N, C-alpha and C. Protein backbone atom coordinates (compact mmCIF):
# COMPACT_ATOMS: atom_id res chain seq x y z
N MET A 1 98.73 132.48 114.79
CA MET A 1 99.58 131.82 114.91
C MET A 1 98.31 130.77 115.99
N LYS A 2 97.77 130.67 116.44
CA LYS A 2 97.08 130.38 117.50
C LYS A 2 95.74 128.77 115.89
N LYS A 3 96.16 129.74 114.86
CA LYS A 3 95.30 128.83 114.03
C LYS A 3 96.57 127.87 113.43
N ILE A 4 97.71 128.11 113.30
CA ILE A 4 98.68 127.56 113.13
C ILE A 4 98.65 126.48 113.82
N ILE A 5 98.78 126.15 115.17
CA ILE A 5 99.47 125.68 116.61
C ILE A 5 98.05 124.77 115.66
N ALA A 6 96.79 125.37 115.77
CA ALA A 6 95.27 124.44 115.86
C ALA A 6 95.60 123.05 114.56
N LEU A 7 96.24 123.73 113.63
CA LEU A 7 96.05 123.12 112.41
C LEU A 7 97.30 121.51 112.64
N LEU A 8 98.12 122.41 112.95
CA LEU A 8 99.79 121.27 113.32
C LEU A 8 99.27 120.30 113.88
N SER A 9 98.23 120.43 115.60
CA SER A 9 97.37 119.73 115.88
C SER A 9 97.16 118.74 115.90
N LEU A 10 95.98 119.41 114.50
CA LEU A 10 95.18 118.17 113.98
C LEU A 10 96.02 117.64 113.20
N ILE A 11 96.57 117.86 112.33
CA ILE A 11 97.39 116.84 111.47
C ILE A 11 98.28 115.95 112.14
N LEU A 12 99.22 116.44 113.40
CA LEU A 12 99.18 115.25 114.59
C LEU A 12 98.44 114.25 114.83
N MET A 13 97.30 114.39 115.69
CA MET A 13 96.34 114.23 115.95
C MET A 13 96.00 112.85 114.82
N THR A 14 95.56 113.40 113.37
CA THR A 14 95.46 112.46 112.35
C THR A 14 96.16 111.81 112.20
N THR A 15 97.57 111.73 112.19
CA THR A 15 99.04 110.89 111.72
C THR A 15 98.70 110.04 112.42
N LEU A 16 98.95 110.19 114.10
CA LEU A 16 98.95 109.39 115.06
C LEU A 16 97.81 108.23 115.01
N LEU A 17 96.68 108.69 115.09
CA LEU A 17 95.26 107.96 114.59
C LEU A 17 95.40 106.94 113.13
N ALA A 18 95.85 107.10 112.41
CA ALA A 18 96.45 106.47 111.05
C ALA A 18 97.41 105.23 111.95
N ALA A 19 98.28 105.91 112.38
CA ALA A 19 99.51 104.93 112.51
C ALA A 19 98.81 103.57 113.07
N CYS A 20 98.10 104.16 114.50
CA CYS A 20 97.44 103.31 115.46
C CYS A 20 96.29 102.25 114.88
N ALA A 21 95.93 102.96 113.57
CA ALA A 21 94.77 102.09 112.92
C ALA A 21 95.61 101.32 111.54
N ALA A 22 96.66 101.33 111.67
CA ALA A 22 97.25 100.31 110.54
C ALA A 22 97.20 99.42 109.99
N GLU A 23 97.28 98.54 109.31
CA GLU A 23 96.99 96.99 108.79
C GLU A 23 98.41 96.46 109.45
N PRO A 24 98.20 95.27 110.15
CA PRO A 24 99.36 94.68 110.32
C PRO A 24 100.47 93.78 109.14
N THR A 25 100.81 93.75 109.26
CA THR A 25 102.58 93.65 107.86
C THR A 25 102.51 92.45 108.41
N ALA A 26 103.17 91.63 107.38
CA ALA A 26 104.35 90.37 107.50
C ALA A 26 105.33 90.88 106.31
N PHE A 27 106.65 91.18 107.18
CA PHE A 27 108.13 91.20 106.74
C PHE A 27 107.69 92.48 105.21
N GLY A 28 106.69 93.63 106.04
CA GLY A 28 106.60 94.46 105.17
C GLY A 28 105.60 94.90 104.51
N VAL A 29 104.67 93.59 104.26
CA VAL A 29 103.24 93.34 103.45
C VAL A 29 102.38 93.63 104.20
N PRO A 30 101.07 94.51 103.47
CA PRO A 30 99.73 93.85 104.48
C PRO A 30 99.50 92.74 104.74
N GLN A 31 98.92 92.29 105.68
CA GLN A 31 98.52 90.67 106.47
C GLN A 31 97.69 90.37 105.18
N SER A 32 96.70 91.30 104.44
CA SER A 32 95.82 90.65 103.91
C SER A 32 96.10 90.52 102.59
N THR A 33 97.12 91.39 101.99
CA THR A 33 98.28 90.65 101.08
C THR A 33 98.57 89.29 100.93
N TRP A 34 99.35 89.52 102.08
CA TRP A 34 100.87 88.31 102.45
C TRP A 34 99.48 87.07 102.70
N ASN A 35 98.11 87.05 102.82
CA ASN A 35 97.58 85.64 103.01
C ASN A 35 96.96 85.75 101.85
N THR A 36 96.91 86.45 100.86
CA THR A 36 97.09 85.77 99.16
C THR A 36 98.02 85.43 98.79
N LEU A 37 99.17 85.18 98.95
CA LEU A 37 100.64 85.03 98.79
C LEU A 37 101.09 83.44 98.21
N SER A 38 101.32 83.09 97.60
CA SER A 38 101.93 81.66 97.12
C SER A 38 103.21 81.48 98.08
N PRO A 39 103.17 80.20 98.22
CA PRO A 39 104.70 79.99 99.08
C PRO A 39 105.90 80.58 98.60
N GLN A 40 106.12 80.57 97.25
CA GLN A 40 107.01 80.99 96.49
C GLN A 40 106.90 82.46 96.73
N GLN A 41 105.78 83.45 96.50
CA GLN A 41 106.19 84.83 96.45
C GLN A 41 106.69 84.98 98.01
N LYS A 42 106.07 84.40 99.15
CA LYS A 42 106.11 84.75 100.28
C LYS A 42 107.50 84.62 100.77
N GLN A 43 108.59 83.80 99.55
CA GLN A 43 109.98 83.56 100.12
C GLN A 43 111.02 84.34 99.42
N THR A 44 109.92 84.66 98.49
CA THR A 44 110.35 85.81 97.48
C THR A 44 109.99 87.37 98.07
N VAL A 45 109.41 87.36 99.03
CA VAL A 45 109.32 88.59 99.85
C VAL A 45 109.85 88.45 101.18
N ILE A 46 110.13 87.50 101.83
CA ILE A 46 110.85 87.34 102.95
C ILE A 46 112.64 87.75 102.62
N ALA A 47 112.94 87.11 101.54
CA ALA A 47 114.56 87.31 101.38
C ALA A 47 114.57 88.75 100.65
N GLY A 48 113.63 89.26 100.02
CA GLY A 48 114.25 91.23 99.65
C GLY A 48 113.73 91.31 101.08
N TYR A 49 112.74 91.30 102.51
CA TYR A 49 112.65 91.56 103.38
C TYR A 49 113.99 92.02 104.33
N ASN A 50 114.69 90.26 104.38
CA ASN A 50 115.73 90.34 105.25
C ASN A 50 117.33 91.10 104.35
N GLN A 51 117.52 91.01 103.16
CA GLN A 51 118.07 92.04 102.45
C GLN A 51 118.05 93.23 102.68
N ARG A 52 116.94 94.05 102.19
CA ARG A 52 116.72 95.46 102.78
C ARG A 52 117.19 96.16 103.99
N LYS A 53 117.11 94.38 105.35
CA LYS A 53 117.56 95.13 106.21
C LYS A 53 119.11 94.75 106.97
N ALA A 54 119.55 94.04 106.12
CA ALA A 54 120.98 93.74 106.23
C ALA A 54 121.76 95.17 105.32
N ILE A 55 121.12 95.73 104.43
CA ILE A 55 121.37 97.21 103.88
C ILE A 55 121.50 97.94 104.96
N LYS A 56 120.43 98.24 105.85
CA LYS A 56 119.69 98.91 106.57
C LYS A 56 120.83 98.68 107.74
N GLN A 57 121.68 98.06 108.36
CA GLN A 57 122.68 97.68 109.36
C GLN A 57 123.84 98.00 109.00
N GLN A 58 123.86 97.47 107.77
CA GLN A 58 125.27 97.58 106.95
C GLN A 58 124.87 99.49 107.10
N ASN A 59 124.04 100.36 106.63
CA ASN A 59 124.32 101.46 106.33
C ASN A 59 123.71 102.46 107.54
N ALA A 60 123.93 101.77 108.78
CA ALA A 60 123.64 102.54 110.21
C ALA A 60 124.74 103.20 110.65
N PRO A 61 126.20 103.13 110.32
CA PRO A 61 127.09 104.04 110.96
C PRO A 61 127.07 105.58 109.82
N LEU A 62 126.69 104.55 108.65
CA LEU A 62 126.60 105.82 107.88
C LEU A 62 125.90 106.96 108.04
N GLU A 63 124.73 106.36 108.32
CA GLU A 63 123.36 107.25 108.42
C GLU A 63 123.63 107.68 109.89
N SER A 64 124.04 107.66 111.11
CA SER A 64 124.53 107.48 112.07
C SER A 64 125.59 109.40 111.63
N ALA A 65 126.38 109.50 111.19
CA ALA A 65 127.58 109.88 110.49
C ALA A 65 126.88 111.18 110.02
N ILE A 66 126.30 111.21 109.10
CA ILE A 66 126.00 111.74 108.57
C ILE A 66 124.34 112.76 109.22
N GLY A 67 124.19 111.93 110.36
CA GLY A 67 122.58 113.01 110.97
C GLY A 67 123.65 113.83 112.11
N ALA A 68 124.92 113.28 112.56
CA ALA A 68 125.92 113.79 113.18
C ALA A 68 126.12 115.10 112.52
N ALA A 69 126.97 114.94 111.84
CA ALA A 69 127.59 116.17 110.65
C ALA A 69 126.43 117.15 110.23
N SER A 70 125.09 116.76 109.97
CA SER A 70 123.68 117.53 109.86
C SER A 70 123.71 118.14 110.93
N ALA A 71 123.36 118.15 112.22
CA ALA A 71 123.63 118.62 113.26
C ALA A 71 124.42 119.10 113.83
N ILE A 72 125.53 119.34 113.32
CA ILE A 72 126.88 120.55 113.35
C ILE A 72 126.46 121.48 112.84
N LEU A 73 126.13 120.87 111.06
CA LEU A 73 126.55 122.17 110.50
C LEU A 73 124.92 122.78 110.95
N GLN A 74 123.68 122.79 111.24
CA GLN A 74 122.76 122.99 111.30
C GLN A 74 123.18 124.29 112.75
N ASN A 75 123.62 123.20 113.96
CA ASN A 75 123.80 124.71 114.51
C ASN A 75 124.99 125.67 114.33
N GLN A 76 126.16 125.42 113.18
CA GLN A 76 127.53 126.20 112.79
C GLN A 76 126.10 127.57 112.15
N HIS A 77 125.07 126.60 111.34
CA HIS A 77 124.30 127.65 110.69
C HIS A 77 124.04 129.06 111.74
N ARG A 78 123.31 128.76 112.96
CA ARG A 78 122.78 129.49 113.77
C ARG A 78 124.19 129.82 114.59
N GLY A 79 125.10 129.85 114.21
CA GLY A 79 126.04 130.72 115.06
C GLY A 79 126.17 129.98 116.40
N GLY A 80 125.71 129.07 116.50
CA GLY A 80 126.25 127.98 117.72
C GLY A 80 128.38 127.51 117.63
N TYR A 81 128.38 127.43 116.81
CA TYR A 81 129.52 127.12 116.64
C TYR A 81 130.46 127.86 116.04
N ASN A 82 131.81 128.70 117.00
CA ASN A 82 132.92 128.89 115.64
C ASN A 82 133.40 128.74 114.56
N SER A 83 132.99 129.28 113.95
CA SER A 83 133.54 129.43 112.14
C SER A 83 134.84 128.40 112.21
N ASN A 84 135.54 129.76 112.47
CA ASN A 84 137.10 129.78 112.49
C ASN A 84 137.78 128.45 113.11
N PHE A 85 137.10 127.52 114.21
CA PHE A 85 137.79 126.13 114.79
C PHE A 85 137.00 125.50 113.20
N PHE A 86 136.56 125.02 112.56
CA PHE A 86 136.79 124.09 111.26
C PHE A 86 137.78 124.19 110.54
N THR A 87 138.00 125.54 110.01
CA THR A 87 138.82 125.77 109.79
C THR A 87 140.52 126.11 109.76
N LYS A 88 140.78 125.84 110.88
CA LYS A 88 142.24 125.78 111.19
C LYS A 88 143.35 124.61 110.88
């Protein structure tokens, strides 16, 4: 059990360190790549970024509902809810 905890701790610390050392981005593109793009390419990247952001905002209520339903089902699977409640 201690080995598992140590391994998970190592993975977590490595992940956090990698996140801290990540290269900054511009509209989801690494800064080093962004600096090499032409103005037209940058406009294409910005348009795609804005489109993805708008889609994510539109889907937010659905994502929230899916998360809530998943939590209910997981709790029900663990015996947290009376299964007859949902069938009445």
